[in-house]
PDB file of N, CA and C in Angstrom:
ATOM      1  N   MET A   1     120.530  54.878  99.855  1.00  0.00           N
ATOM      2  CA  MET A   1     120.195  54.408 101.185  1.00  0.00           C
ATOM      3  C   MET A   1     119.376  53.137 101.062  1.00  0.00           C
ATOM      4  N   THR A   2     119.620  52.230 101.953  1.00  0.00           N
ATOM      5  CA  THR A   2     118.841  50.999 101.979  1.00  0.00           C
ATOM      6  C   THR A   2     118.117  50.902 103.309  1.00  0.00           C
ATOM      7  N   SER A   3     117.067  50.138 103.314  1.00  0.00           N
ATOM      8  CA  SER A   3     116.326  49.936 104.554  1.00  0.00           C
ATOM      9  C   SER A   3     116.677  48.580 105.128  1.00  0.00           C
ATOM     10  N   ALA A   4     116.233  48.333 106.342  1.00  0.00           N
ATOM     11  CA  ALA A   4     116.490  47.050 106.985  1.00  0.00           C
ATOM     12  C   ALA A   4     115.695  45.935 106.309  1.00  0.00           C
ATOM     13  N   GLU A   5     114.649  46.301 105.574  1.00  0.00           N
ATOM     14  CA  GLU A   5     113.804  45.310 104.923  1.00  0.00           C
ATOM     15  C   GLU A   5     114.310  44.947 103.533  1.00  0.00           C
ATOM     16  N   GLY A   6     115.385  45.555 103.048  1.00  0.00           N
ATOM     17  CA  GLY A   6     115.951  45.210 101.754  1.00  0.00           C
ATOM     18  C   GLY A   6     115.505  46.120 100.633  1.00  0.00           C
ATOM     19  N   GLY A   7     114.816  47.200 100.920  1.00  0.00           N
ATOM     20  CA  GLY A   7     114.367  48.126  99.889  1.00  0.00           C
ATOM     21  C   GLY A   7     115.349  49.273  99.734  1.00  0.00           C
ATOM     22  N   VAL A   8     115.137  50.092  98.726  1.00  0.00           N
ATOM     23  CA  VAL A   8     115.975  51.253  98.480  1.00  0.00           C
ATOM     24  C   VAL A   8     115.087  52.480  98.528  1.00  0.00           C
ATOM     25  N   TYR A   9     115.574  53.538  99.198  1.00  0.00           N
ATOM     26  CA  TYR A   9     114.826  54.783  99.260  1.00  0.00           C
ATOM     27  C   TYR A   9     115.409  55.748  98.255  1.00  0.00           C
ATOM     28  N   ASN A  10     114.543  56.456  97.540  1.00  0.00           N
ATOM     29  CA  ASN A  10     115.046  57.480  96.634  1.00  0.00           C
ATOM     30  C   ASN A  10     114.946  58.836  97.323  1.00  0.00           C
ATOM     31  N   ALA A  11     115.169  59.912  96.602  1.00  0.00           N
ATOM     32  CA  ALA A  11     115.186  61.246  97.190  1.00  0.00           C
ATOM     33  C   ALA A  11     113.849  61.637  97.794  1.00  0.00           C
ATOM     34  N   HIS A  12     112.768  61.065  97.339  1.00  0.00           N
ATOM     35  CA  HIS A  12     111.444  61.401  97.852  1.00  0.00           C
ATOM     36  C   HIS A  12     110.965  60.390  98.893  1.00  0.00           C
ATOM     37  N   PHE A  13     111.850  59.544  99.364  1.00  0.00           N
ATOM     38  CA  PHE A  13     111.577  58.569 100.411  1.00  0.00           C
ATOM     39  C   PHE A  13     110.503  57.564 100.026  1.00  0.00           C
ATOM     40  N   LEU A  14     110.491  57.164  98.788  1.00  0.00           N
ATOM     41  CA  LEU A  14     109.603  56.100  98.354  1.00  0.00           C
ATOM     42  C   LEU A  14     110.380  54.796  98.400  1.00  0.00           C
ATOM     43  N   ARG A  15     109.759  53.758  98.895  1.00  0.00           N
ATOM     44  CA  ARG A  15     110.426  52.471  98.999  1.00  0.00           C
ATOM     45  C   ARG A  15     110.338  51.738  97.665  1.00  0.00           C
ATOM     46  N   LEU A  16     111.495  51.390  97.092  1.00  0.00           N
ATOM     47  CA  LEU A  16     111.565  50.646  95.849  1.00  0.00           C
ATOM     48  C   LEU A  16     112.109  49.257  96.140  1.00  0.00           C
ATOM     49  N   PRO A  17     111.460  48.196  95.653  1.00  0.00           N
ATOM     50  CA  PRO A  17     111.966  46.844  95.930  1.00  0.00           C
ATOM     51  C   PRO A  17     113.260  46.576  95.182  1.00  0.00           C
ATOM     52  N   VAL A  18     114.091  45.708  95.760  1.00  0.00           N
ATOM     53  CA  VAL A  18     115.364  45.335  95.155  1.00  0.00           C
ATOM     54  C   VAL A  18     115.302  43.862  94.800  1.00  0.00           C
ATOM     55  N   ASP A  19     115.631  43.549  93.550  1.00  0.00           N
ATOM     56  CA  ASP A  19     115.671  42.165  93.101  1.00  0.00           C
ATOM     57  C   ASP A  19     117.108  41.676  93.236  1.00  0.00           C
ATOM     58  N   PRO A  20     117.372  40.649  94.041  1.00  0.00           N
ATOM     59  CA  PRO A  20     118.761  40.198  94.232  1.00  0.00           C
ATOM     60  C   PRO A  20     119.391  39.658  92.955  1.00  0.00           C
ATOM     61  N   ASP A  21     118.576  39.132  92.026  1.00  0.00           N
ATOM     62  CA  ASP A  21     119.129  38.621  90.773  1.00  0.00           C
ATOM     63  C   ASP A  21     119.627  39.735  89.866  1.00  0.00           C
ATOM     64  N   MET A  22     119.081  40.938  90.017  1.00  0.00           N
ATOM     65  CA  MET A  22     119.480  42.068  89.174  1.00  0.00           C
ATOM     66  C   MET A  22     120.816  42.660  89.610  1.00  0.00           C
ATOM     67  N   ALA A  23     121.250  42.362  90.819  1.00  0.00           N
ATOM     68  CA  ALA A  23     122.471  42.966  91.341  1.00  0.00           C
ATOM     69  C   ALA A  23     123.703  42.467  90.604  1.00  0.00           C
ATOM     70  N   THR A  24     123.729  41.206  90.204  1.00  0.00           N
ATOM     71  CA  THR A  24     124.896  40.655  89.517  1.00  0.00           C
ATOM     72  C   THR A  24     124.460  40.040  88.199  1.00  0.00           C
ATOM     73  N   PRO A  25     124.450  40.833  87.132  1.00  0.00           N
ATOM     74  CA  PRO A  25     124.038  40.288  85.840  1.00  0.00           C
ATOM     75  C   PRO A  25     125.098  39.342  85.295  1.00  0.00           C
ATOM     76  N   GLY A  26     124.633  38.313  84.623  1.00  0.00           N
ATOM     77  CA  GLY A  26     125.540  37.351  84.023  1.00  0.00           C
ATOM     78  C   GLY A  26     125.969  37.813  82.640  1.00  0.00           C
ATOM     79  N   PRO A  27     126.966  37.152  82.066  1.00  0.00           N
ATOM     80  CA  PRO A  27     127.419  37.536  80.713  1.00  0.00           C
ATOM     81  C   PRO A  27     126.346  37.207  79.673  1.00  0.00           C
ATOM     82  N   VAL A  28     126.210  38.103  78.715  1.00  0.00           N
ATOM     83  CA  VAL A  28     125.246  37.932  77.636  1.00  0.00           C
ATOM     84  C   VAL A  28     126.030  37.623  76.368  1.00  0.00           C
ATOM     85  N   ALA A  29     125.775  36.468  75.794  1.00  0.00           N
ATOM     86  CA  ALA A  29     126.482  36.064  74.578  1.00  0.00           C
ATOM     87  C   ALA A  29     125.664  36.494  73.365  1.00  0.00           C
ATOM     88  N   PRO A  30     126.212  37.349  72.508  1.00  0.00           N
ATOM     89  CA  PRO A  30     125.473  37.744  71.306  1.00  0.00           C
ATOM     90  C   PRO A  30     125.373  36.588  70.320  1.00  0.00           C
ATOM     91  N   GLU A  31     124.254  36.570  69.603  1.00  0.00           N
ATOM     92  CA  GLU A  31     124.051  35.515  68.609  1.00  0.00           C
ATOM     93  C   GLU A  31     124.999  35.677  67.424  1.00  0.00           C
ATOM     94  N   VAL A  32     125.199  36.918  66.991  1.00  0.00           N
ATOM     95  CA  VAL A  32     126.077  37.220  65.873  1.00  0.00           C
ATOM     96  C   VAL A  32     127.218  38.069  66.410  1.00  0.00           C
ATOM     97  N   PRO A  33     128.471  37.719  66.105  1.00  0.00           N
ATOM     98  CA  PRO A  33     129.580  38.536  66.610  1.00  0.00           C
ATOM     99  C   PRO A  33     129.507  39.951  66.035  1.00  0.00           C
ATOM    100  N   PHE A  34     129.844  40.908  66.867  1.00  0.00           N
ATOM    101  CA  PHE A  34     129.798  42.314  66.474  1.00  0.00           C
ATOM    102  C   PHE A  34     131.034  42.663  65.670  1.00  0.00           C
ATOM    103  N   GLU A  35     130.820  43.251  64.498  1.00  0.00           N
ATOM    104  CA  GLU A  35     131.915  43.694  63.640  1.00  0.00           C
ATOM    105  C   GLU A  35     131.826  45.213  63.536  1.00  0.00           C
ATOM    106  N   PRO A  36     132.750  45.965  64.177  1.00  0.00           N
ATOM    107  CA  PRO A  36     132.629  47.422  64.199  1.00  0.00           C
ATOM    108  C   PRO A  36     132.769  48.099  62.835  1.00  0.00           C
ATOM    109  N   SER A  37     133.378  47.427  61.868  1.00  0.00           N
ATOM    110  CA  SER A  37     133.549  48.051  60.559  1.00  0.00           C
ATOM    111  C   SER A  37     132.311  47.906  59.675  1.00  0.00           C
ATOM    112  N   GLN A  38     131.334  47.105  60.108  1.00  0.00           N
ATOM    113  CA  GLN A  38     130.117  46.867  59.331  1.00  0.00           C
ATOM    114  C   GLN A  38     128.910  47.421  60.082  1.00  0.00           C
ATOM    115  N   PRO A  39     127.857  47.824  59.347  1.00  0.00           N
ATOM    116  CA  PRO A  39     126.653  48.270  60.048  1.00  0.00           C
ATOM    117  C   PRO A  39     126.004  47.097  60.773  1.00  0.00           C
ATOM    118  N   PRO A  40     125.244  47.378  61.832  1.00  0.00           N
ATOM    119  CA  PRO A  40     124.618  46.282  62.564  1.00  0.00           C
ATOM    120  C   PRO A  40     123.576  45.569  61.712  1.00  0.00           C
ATOM    121  N   VAL A  41     123.428  44.282  61.957  1.00  0.00           N
ATOM    122  CA  VAL A  41     122.457  43.473  61.223  1.00  0.00           C
ATOM    123  C   VAL A  41     121.159  43.470  62.025  1.00  0.00           C
ATOM    124  N   ILE A  42     120.104  43.983  61.445  1.00  0.00           N
ATOM    125  CA  ILE A  42     118.800  44.017  62.081  1.00  0.00           C
ATOM    126  C   ILE A  42     117.865  43.199  61.211  1.00  0.00           C
ATOM    127  N   GLU A  43     117.290  42.174  61.803  1.00  0.00           N
ATOM    128  CA  GLU A  43     116.436  41.269  61.044  1.00  0.00           C
ATOM    129  C   GLU A  43     115.230  42.003  60.468  1.00  0.00           C
ATOM    130  N   GLY A  44     114.999  41.864  59.175  1.00  0.00           N
ATOM    131  CA  GLY A  44     113.854  42.480  58.517  1.00  0.00           C
ATOM    132  C   GLY A  44     114.053  43.940  58.155  1.00  0.00           C
ATOM    133  N   PHE A  45     115.253  44.484  58.347  1.00  0.00           N
ATOM    134  CA  PHE A  45     115.507  45.888  58.048  1.00  0.00           C
ATOM    135  C   PHE A  45     116.602  45.999  57.014  1.00  0.00           C
ATOM    136  N   SER A  46     116.319  46.756  55.963  1.00  0.00           N
ATOM    137  CA  SER A  46     117.316  47.026  54.941  1.00  0.00           C
ATOM    138  C   SER A  46     117.569  48.528  54.933  1.00  0.00           C
ATOM    139  N   PRO A  47     118.810  48.970  55.181  1.00  0.00           N
ATOM    140  CA  PRO A  47     119.068  50.408  55.249  1.00  0.00           C
ATOM    141  C   PRO A  47     118.883  51.120  53.913  1.00  0.00           C
ATOM    142  N   SER A  48     118.867  50.404  52.829  1.00  0.00           N
ATOM    143  CA  SER A  48     118.710  51.008  51.520  1.00  0.00           C
ATOM    144  C   SER A  48     117.658  50.236  50.735  1.00  0.00           C
ATOM    145  N   VAL A  49     116.811  50.966  50.025  1.00  0.00           N
ATOM    146  CA  VAL A  49     115.820  50.294  49.198  1.00  0.00           C
ATOM    147  C   VAL A  49     116.431  49.828  47.883  1.00  0.00           C
ATOM    148  N   TYR A  50     117.651  50.242  47.632  1.00  0.00           N
ATOM    149  CA  TYR A  50     118.343  49.857  46.413  1.00  0.00           C
ATOM    150  C   TYR A  50     119.278  48.699  46.713  1.00  0.00           C
ATOM    151  N   SER A  51     119.338  47.737  45.796  1.00  0.00           N
ATOM    152  CA  SER A  51     120.119  46.528  46.050  1.00  0.00           C
ATOM    153  C   SER A  51     121.623  46.789  45.993  1.00  0.00           C
ATOM    154  N   ASN A  52     122.063  47.746  45.200  1.00  0.00           N
ATOM    155  CA  ASN A  52     123.488  48.021  45.116  1.00  0.00           C
ATOM    156  C   ASN A  52     123.790  49.391  45.717  1.00  0.00           C
ATOM    157  N   GLN A  53     125.015  49.576  46.133  1.00  0.00           N
ATOM    158  CA  GLN A  53     125.427  50.844  46.700  1.00  0.00           C
ATOM    159  C   GLN A  53     125.613  51.868  45.584  1.00  0.00           C
ATOM    160  N   GLU A  54     125.101  53.075  45.800  1.00  0.00           N
ATOM    161  CA  GLU A  54     125.237  54.138  44.815  1.00  0.00           C
ATOM    162  C   GLU A  54     126.465  54.979  45.135  1.00  0.00           C
ATOM    163  N   SER A  55     127.109  55.465  44.098  1.00  0.00           N
ATOM    164  CA  SER A  55     128.183  56.413  44.317  1.00  0.00           C
ATOM    165  C   SER A  55     127.546  57.790  44.552  1.00  0.00           C
ATOM    166  N   PHE A  56     128.349  58.737  44.980  1.00  0.00           N
ATOM    167  CA  PHE A  56     127.833  60.081  45.233  1.00  0.00           C
ATOM    168  C   PHE A  56     127.216  60.675  43.968  1.00  0.00           C
ATOM    169  N   LYS A  57     127.904  60.499  42.842  1.00  0.00           N
ATOM    170  CA  LYS A  57     127.420  61.054  41.581  1.00  0.00           C
ATOM    171  C   LYS A  57     126.086  60.430  41.173  1.00  0.00           C
ATOM    172  N   GLU A  58     125.975  59.106  41.301  1.00  0.00           N
ATOM    173  CA  GLU A  58     124.722  58.432  40.937  1.00  0.00           C
ATOM    174  C   GLU A  58     123.569  58.886  41.826  1.00  0.00           C
ATOM    175  N   LYS A  59     123.840  59.011  43.125  1.00  0.00           N
ATOM    176  CA  LYS A  59     122.792  59.452  44.043  1.00  0.00           C
ATOM    177  C   LYS A  59     122.390  60.894  43.746  1.00  0.00           C
ATOM    178  N   PHE A  60     123.377  61.763  43.479  1.00  0.00           N
ATOM    179  CA  PHE A  60     123.081  63.160  43.165  1.00  0.00           C
ATOM    180  C   PHE A  60     122.222  63.263  41.905  1.00  0.00           C
ATOM    181  N   LEU A  61     122.578  62.511  40.869  1.00  0.00           N
ATOM    182  CA  LEU A  61     121.804  62.551  39.625  1.00  0.00           C
ATOM    183  C   LEU A  61     120.392  62.009  39.815  1.00  0.00           C
ATOM    184  N   ARG A  62     120.256  60.935  40.614  1.00  0.00           N
ATOM    185  CA  ARG A  62     118.928  60.369  40.872  1.00  0.00           C
ATOM    186  C   ARG A  62     118.060  61.366  41.643  1.00  0.00           C
ATOM    187  N   LYS A  63     118.630  61.988  42.675  1.00  0.00           N
ATOM    188  CA  LYS A  63     117.866  62.960  43.465  1.00  0.00           C
ATOM    189  C   LYS A  63     117.515  64.187  42.627  1.00  0.00           C
ATOM    190  N   THR A  64     118.415  64.595  41.726  1.00  0.00           N
ATOM    191  CA  THR A  64     118.140  65.736  40.860  1.00  0.00           C
ATOM    192  C   THR A  64     117.006  65.416  39.889  1.00  0.00           C
ATOM    193  N   ARG A  65     116.981  64.195  39.374  1.00  0.00           N
ATOM    194  CA  ARG A  65     115.884  63.798  38.485  1.00  0.00           C
ATOM    195  C   ARG A  65     114.565  63.717  39.242  1.00  0.00           C
ATOM    196  N   GLU A  66     114.601  63.258  40.506  1.00  0.00           N
ATOM    197  CA  GLU A  66     113.379  63.140  41.302  1.00  0.00           C
ATOM    198  C   GLU A  66     112.792  64.510  41.641  1.00  0.00           C
ATOM    199  N   ASN A  67     113.637  65.485  41.956  1.00  0.00           N
ATOM    200  CA  ASN A  67     113.165  66.809  42.335  1.00  0.00           C
ATOM    201  C   ASN A  67     114.145  67.860  41.795  1.00  0.00           C
ATOM    202  N   PRO A  68     113.988  68.271  40.541  1.00  0.00           N
ATOM    203  CA  PRO A  68     114.971  69.185  39.933  1.00  0.00           C
ATOM    204  C   PRO A  68     114.918  70.612  40.463  1.00  0.00           C
ATOM    205  N   MET A  69     113.869  70.981  41.185  1.00  0.00           N
ATOM    206  CA  MET A  69     113.775  72.358  41.680  1.00  0.00           C
ATOM    207  C   MET A  69     114.732  72.635  42.837  1.00  0.00           C
ATOM    208  N   VAL A  70     115.119  71.624  43.588  1.00  0.00           N
ATOM    209  CA  VAL A  70     116.021  71.835  44.720  1.00  0.00           C
ATOM    210  C   VAL A  70     117.400  72.304  44.246  1.00  0.00           C
ATOM    211  N   PRO A  71     118.051  71.630  43.293  1.00  0.00           N
ATOM    212  CA  PRO A  71     119.344  72.159  42.826  1.00  0.00           C
ATOM    213  C   PRO A  71     119.230  73.533  42.172  1.00  0.00           C
ATOM    214  N   ILE A  72     118.108  73.791  41.502  1.00  0.00           N
ATOM    215  CA  ILE A  72     117.915  75.116  40.897  1.00  0.00           C
ATOM    216  C   ILE A  72     117.839  76.167  41.988  1.00  0.00           C
ATOM    217  N   GLY A  73     117.096  75.887  43.069  1.00  0.00           N
ATOM    218  CA  GLY A  73     117.004  76.819  44.188  1.00  0.00           C
ATOM    219  C   GLY A  73     118.340  77.025  44.867  1.00  0.00           C
ATOM    220  N   CYS A  74     119.100  75.949  45.031  1.00  0.00           N
ATOM    221  CA  CYS A  74     120.433  76.060  45.643  1.00  0.00           C
ATOM    222  C   CYS A  74     121.362  76.902  44.776  1.00  0.00           C
ATOM    223  N   LEU A  75     121.313  76.676  43.483  1.00  0.00           N
ATOM    224  CA  LEU A  75     122.143  77.461  42.562  1.00  0.00           C
ATOM    225  C   LEU A  75     121.750  78.939  42.610  1.00  0.00           C
ATOM    226  N   GLY A  76     120.455  79.223  42.652  1.00  0.00           N
ATOM    227  CA  GLY A  76     119.994  80.615  42.764  1.00  0.00           C
ATOM    228  C   GLY A  76     120.442  81.255  44.064  1.00  0.00           C
ATOM    229  N   THR A  77     120.402  80.492  45.152  1.00  0.00           N
ATOM    230  CA  THR A  77     120.834  81.008  46.448  1.00  0.00           C
ATOM    231  C   THR A  77     122.316  81.361  46.425  1.00  0.00           C
ATOM    232  N   VAL A  78     123.127  80.457  45.913  1.00  0.00           N
ATOM    233  CA  VAL A  78     124.574  80.692  45.870  1.00  0.00           C
ATOM    234  C   VAL A  78     124.898  81.861  44.937  1.00  0.00           C
ATOM    235  N   THR A  79     124.202  81.941  43.818  1.00  0.00           N
ATOM    236  CA  THR A  79     124.441  83.037  42.873  1.00  0.00           C
ATOM    237  C   THR A  79     124.106  84.379  43.508  1.00  0.00           C
ATOM    238  N   ALA A  80     122.939  84.468  44.160  1.00  0.00           N
ATOM    239  CA  ALA A  80     122.545  85.728  44.798  1.00  0.00           C
ATOM    240  C   ALA A  80     123.506  86.100  45.915  1.00  0.00           C
ATOM    241  N   LEU A  81     123.940  85.110  46.679  1.00  0.00           N
ATOM    242  CA  LEU A  81     124.886  85.381  47.757  1.00  0.00           C
ATOM    243  C   LEU A  81     126.224  85.880  47.208  1.00  0.00           C
ATOM    244  N   ALA A  82     126.748  85.187  46.203  1.00  0.00           N
ATOM    245  CA  ALA A  82     128.048  85.574  45.641  1.00  0.00           C
ATOM    246  C   ALA A  82     127.988  86.971  45.017  1.00  0.00           C
ATOM    247  N   TYR A  83     126.933  87.234  44.245  1.00  0.00           N
ATOM    248  CA  TYR A  83     126.830  88.554  43.613  1.00  0.00           C
ATOM    249  C   TYR A  83     126.589  89.643  44.660  1.00  0.00           C
ATOM    250  N   GLY A  84     125.819  89.326  45.702  1.00  0.00           N
ATOM    251  CA  GLY A  84     125.586  90.296  46.775  1.00  0.00           C
ATOM    252  C   GLY A  84     126.869  90.636  47.510  1.00  0.00           C
ATOM    253  N   LEU A  85     127.692  89.617  47.782  1.00  0.00           N
ATOM    254  CA  LEU A  85     128.979  89.896  48.432  1.00  0.00           C
ATOM    255  C   LEU A  85     129.917  90.681  47.526  1.00  0.00           C
ATOM    256  N   TYR A  86     129.874  90.375  46.229  1.00  0.00           N
ATOM    257  CA  TYR A  86     130.690  91.134  45.267  1.00  0.00           C
ATOM    258  C   TYR A  86     130.268  92.609  45.253  1.00  0.00           C
ATOM    259  N   CYS A  87     128.959  92.856  45.237  1.00  0.00           N
ATOM    260  CA  CYS A  87     128.464  94.238  45.244  1.00  0.00           C
ATOM    261  C   CYS A  87     128.815  94.943  46.553  1.00  0.00           C
ATOM    262  N   PHE A  88     128.756  94.208  47.669  1.00  0.00           N
ATOM    263  CA  PHE A  88     129.128  94.785  48.956  1.00  0.00           C
ATOM    264  C   PHE A  88     130.594  95.188  48.954  1.00  0.00           C
ATOM    265  N   HIS A  89     131.435  94.334  48.384  1.00  0.00           N
ATOM    266  CA  HIS A  89     132.862  94.620  48.306  1.00  0.00           C
ATOM    267  C   HIS A  89     133.144  95.856  47.450  1.00  0.00           C
ATOM    268  N   ARG A  90     132.366  96.032  46.397  1.00  0.00           N
ATOM    269  CA  ARG A  90     132.558  97.185  45.504  1.00  0.00           C
ATOM    270  C   ARG A  90     131.916  98.458  46.036  1.00  0.00           C
ATOM    271  N   GLY A  91     131.178  98.355  47.132  1.00  0.00           N
ATOM    272  CA  GLY A  91     130.568  99.541  47.729  1.00  0.00           C
ATOM    273  C   GLY A  91     129.178  99.860  47.205  1.00  0.00           C
ATOM    274  N   GLN A  92     128.576  98.945  46.482  1.00  0.00           N
ATOM    275  CA  GLN A  92     127.214  99.142  45.962  1.00  0.00           C
ATOM    276  C   GLN A  92     126.223  98.583  46.987  1.00  0.00           C
ATOM    277  N   SER A  93     125.980  99.362  48.037  1.00  0.00           N
ATOM    278  CA  SER A  93     125.190  98.849  49.153  1.00  0.00           C
ATOM    279  C   SER A  93     123.734  98.588  48.773  1.00  0.00           C
ATOM    280  N   HIS A  94     123.162  99.433  47.904  1.00  0.00           N
ATOM    281  CA  HIS A  94     121.760  99.234  47.515  1.00  0.00           C
ATOM    282  C   HIS A  94     121.592  97.902  46.777  1.00  0.00           C
ATOM    283  N   ARG A  95     122.488  97.629  45.821  1.00  0.00           N
ATOM    284  CA  ARG A  95     122.407  96.387  45.068  1.00  0.00           C
ATOM    285  C   ARG A  95     122.745  95.183  45.962  1.00  0.00           C
ATOM    286  N   SER A  96     123.679  95.367  46.890  1.00  0.00           N
ATOM    287  CA  SER A  96     124.021  94.301  47.818  1.00  0.00           C
ATOM    288  C   SER A  96     122.811  93.921  48.675  1.00  0.00           C
ATOM    289  N   GLN A  97     122.078  94.925  49.171  1.00  0.00           N
ATOM    290  CA  GLN A  97     120.861  94.665  49.952  1.00  0.00           C
ATOM    291  C   GLN A  97     119.817  93.935  49.107  1.00  0.00           C
ATOM    292  N   LEU A  98     119.678  94.356  47.867  1.00  0.00           N
ATOM    293  CA  LEU A  98     118.730  93.704  46.964  1.00  0.00           C
ATOM    294  C   LEU A  98     119.097  92.227  46.749  1.00  0.00           C
ATOM    295  N   MET A  99     120.391  91.957  46.593  1.00  0.00           N
ATOM    296  CA  MET A  99     120.832  90.576  46.387  1.00  0.00           C
ATOM    297  C   MET A  99     120.646  89.733  47.650  1.00  0.00           C
ATOM    298  N   MET A 100     120.822  90.330  48.824  1.00  0.00           N
ATOM    299  CA  MET A 100     120.591  89.576  50.056  1.00  0.00           C
ATOM    300  C   MET A 100     119.103  89.243  50.206  1.00  0.00           C
ATOM    301  N   ARG A 101     118.237  90.151  49.805  1.00  0.00           N
ATOM    302  CA  ARG A 101     116.799  89.860  49.822  1.00  0.00           C
ATOM    303  C   ARG A 101     116.450  88.796  48.777  1.00  0.00           C
ATOM    304  N   THR A 102     117.119  88.856  47.644  1.00  0.00           N
ATOM    305  CA  THR A 102     116.923  87.833  46.616  1.00  0.00           C
ATOM    306  C   THR A 102     117.398  86.477  47.116  1.00  0.00           C
ATOM    307  N   ARG A 103     118.492  86.481  47.866  1.00  0.00           N
ATOM    308  CA  ARG A 103     119.000  85.229  48.443  1.00  0.00           C
ATOM    309  C   ARG A 103     117.980  84.617  49.392  1.00  0.00           C
ATOM    310  N   ILE A 104     117.337  85.447  50.203  1.00  0.00           N
ATOM    311  CA  ILE A 104     116.315  84.942  51.126  1.00  0.00           C
ATOM    312  C   ILE A 104     115.152  84.336  50.338  1.00  0.00           C
ATOM    313  N   ALA A 105     114.754  84.994  49.263  1.00  0.00           N
ATOM    314  CA  ALA A 105     113.671  84.458  48.427  1.00  0.00           C
ATOM    315  C   ALA A 105     114.086  83.122  47.799  1.00  0.00           C
ATOM    316  N   ALA A 106     115.335  83.038  47.347  1.00  0.00           N
ATOM    317  CA  ALA A 106     115.816  81.780  46.750  1.00  0.00           C
ATOM    318  C   ALA A 106     115.879  80.665  47.791  1.00  0.00           C
ATOM    319  N   GLN A 107     116.259  81.002  49.020  1.00  0.00           N
ATOM    320  CA  GLN A 107     116.261  80.003  50.079  1.00  0.00           C
ATOM    321  C   GLN A 107     114.844  79.525  50.378  1.00  0.00           C
ATOM    322  N   GLY A 108     113.896  80.456  50.391  1.00  0.00           N
ATOM    323  CA  GLY A 108     112.504  80.076  50.594  1.00  0.00           C
ATOM    324  C   GLY A 108     112.001  79.165  49.490  1.00  0.00           C
ATOM    325  N   PHE A 109     112.386  79.483  48.255  1.00  0.00           N
ATOM    326  CA  PHE A 109     112.020  78.641  47.115  1.00  0.00           C
ATOM    327  C   PHE A 109     112.597  77.234  47.283  1.00  0.00           C
ATOM    328  N   THR A 110     113.849  77.147  47.738  1.00  0.00           N
ATOM    329  CA  THR A 110     114.496  75.849  47.921  1.00  0.00           C
ATOM    330  C   THR A 110     113.790  75.038  49.003  1.00  0.00           C
ATOM    331  N   ILE A 111     113.462  75.669  50.119  1.00  0.00           N
ATOM    332  CA  ILE A 111     112.760  74.964  51.198  1.00  0.00           C
ATOM    333  C   ILE A 111     111.391  74.495  50.717  1.00  0.00           C
ATOM    334  N   ALA A 112     110.681  75.353  49.983  1.00  0.00           N
ATOM    335  CA  ALA A 112     109.368  74.957  49.439  1.00  0.00           C
ATOM    336  C   ALA A 112     109.524  73.780  48.477  1.00  0.00           C
ATOM    337  N   ALA A 113     110.569  73.792  47.657  1.00  0.00           N
ATOM    338  CA  ALA A 113     110.803  72.688  46.722  1.00  0.00           C
ATOM    339  C   ALA A 113     111.090  71.397  47.465  1.00  0.00           C
ATOM    340  N   ILE A 114     111.861  71.476  48.558  1.00  0.00           N
ATOM    341  CA  ILE A 114     112.141  70.284  49.354  1.00  0.00           C
ATOM    342  C   ILE A 114     110.851  69.734  49.950  1.00  0.00           C
ATOM    343  N   LEU A 115     110.036  70.609  50.538  1.00  0.00           N
ATOM    344  CA  LEU A 115     108.791  70.160  51.167  1.00  0.00           C
ATOM    345  C   LEU A 115     107.807  69.593  50.149  1.00  0.00           C
ATOM    346  N   LEU A 116     107.701  70.240  48.991  1.00  0.00           N
ATOM    347  CA  LEU A 116     106.811  69.711  47.952  1.00  0.00           C
ATOM    348  C   LEU A 116     107.318  68.372  47.421  1.00  0.00           C
ATOM    349  N   GLY A 117     108.631  68.231  47.301  1.00  0.00           N
ATOM    350  CA  GLY A 117     109.204  66.961  46.866  1.00  0.00           C
ATOM    351  C   GLY A 117     108.942  65.856  47.871  1.00  0.00           C
ATOM    352  N   LEU A 118     109.069  66.171  49.164  1.00  0.00           N
ATOM    353  CA  LEU A 118     108.760  65.187  50.198  1.00  0.00           C
ATOM    354  C   LEU A 118     107.288  64.784  50.169  1.00  0.00           C
ATOM    355  N   ALA A 119     106.406  65.772  50.000  1.00  0.00           N
ATOM    356  CA  ALA A 119     104.970  65.468  49.929  1.00  0.00           C
ATOM    357  C   ALA A 119     104.661  64.614  48.711  1.00  0.00           C
ATOM    358  N   ALA A 120     105.257  64.940  47.581  1.00  0.00           N
ATOM    359  CA  ALA A 120     105.017  64.163  46.362  1.00  0.00           C
ATOM    360  C   ALA A 120     105.507  62.730  46.506  1.00  0.00           C
ATOM    361  N   SER A 121     106.686  62.552  47.106  1.00  0.00           N
ATOM    362  CA  SER A 121     107.194  61.191  47.272  1.00  0.00           C
ATOM    363  C   SER A 121     106.378  60.408  48.309  1.00  0.00           C
ATOM    364  N   ALA A 122     105.854  61.093  49.321  1.00  0.00           N
ATOM    365  CA  ALA A 122     105.011  60.414  50.305  1.00  0.00           C
ATOM    366  C   ALA A 122     103.692  59.987  49.664  1.00  0.00           C
ATOM    367  N   LEU A 123     103.124  60.834  48.816  1.00  0.00           N
ATOM    368  CA  LEU A 123     101.887  60.472  48.153  1.00  0.00           C
ATOM    369  C   LEU A 123     102.107  59.359  47.122  1.00  0.00           C
ATOM    370  N   LYS A 124     103.283  59.379  46.479  1.00  0.00           N
ATOM    371  CA  LYS A 124     103.590  58.354  45.473  1.00  0.00           C
ATOM    372  C   LYS A 124     103.777  56.986  46.120  1.00  0.00           C
ATOM    373  N   SER A 125     104.328  56.962  47.348  1.00  0.00           N
ATOM    374  CA  SER A 125     104.597  55.673  47.996  1.00  0.00           C
ATOM    375  C   SER A 125     103.361  55.056  48.630  1.00  0.00           C
ATOM    376  N   ARG A 126     102.262  55.806  48.706  1.00  0.00           N
ATOM    377  CA  ARG A 126     101.020  55.235  49.258  1.00  0.00           C
ATOM    378  C   ARG A 126     100.446  54.212  48.306  1.00  0.00           C
ATOM    379  N   PRO A 127      99.806  53.145  48.875  1.00  0.00           N
ATOM    380  CA  PRO A 127      99.230  52.112  47.998  1.00  0.00           C
ATOM    381  C   PRO A 127      97.957  52.572  47.333  1.00  0.00           C
TER     382      PRO A 127
END
C-alpha cells in the first residue's frame, strides 16, 4: 500500500520513505568478468595456504601426519561396527552389544582426537 505522500505502509502501519532512485536500478558492470568454472576472485583472500593444489592422497597423508589419532579412531570405529554386525548376524547378541558399546567408545575417542587436534593447531598458529 502506498500513501498519497509517497510513503509505503507495512503490515504494522508504519510509514517508510520511498527513494525514487531505488525504484529503477541501473546496470552494474563488474570489474572482472565472472567465470562460472573458476572460484571467485576475492582481493587479499587465498582459499588455500598451500601454493600448489594437493591431491586427495597428499592431503590425506598430510592430515594423518598432523593428527594420527583420528584415523586410528576411525579404524577402531569401523572395526567395532563390522565385528558387532557380524556377531549380530551369527546370533551372538551379548558380544554384539559389547561391540556396539565399543563402537560408541571409539567414536568418542575419534571426536576427542579431532577436538584436541584443532586445539593444538590453534595454539600452534598463535604468534
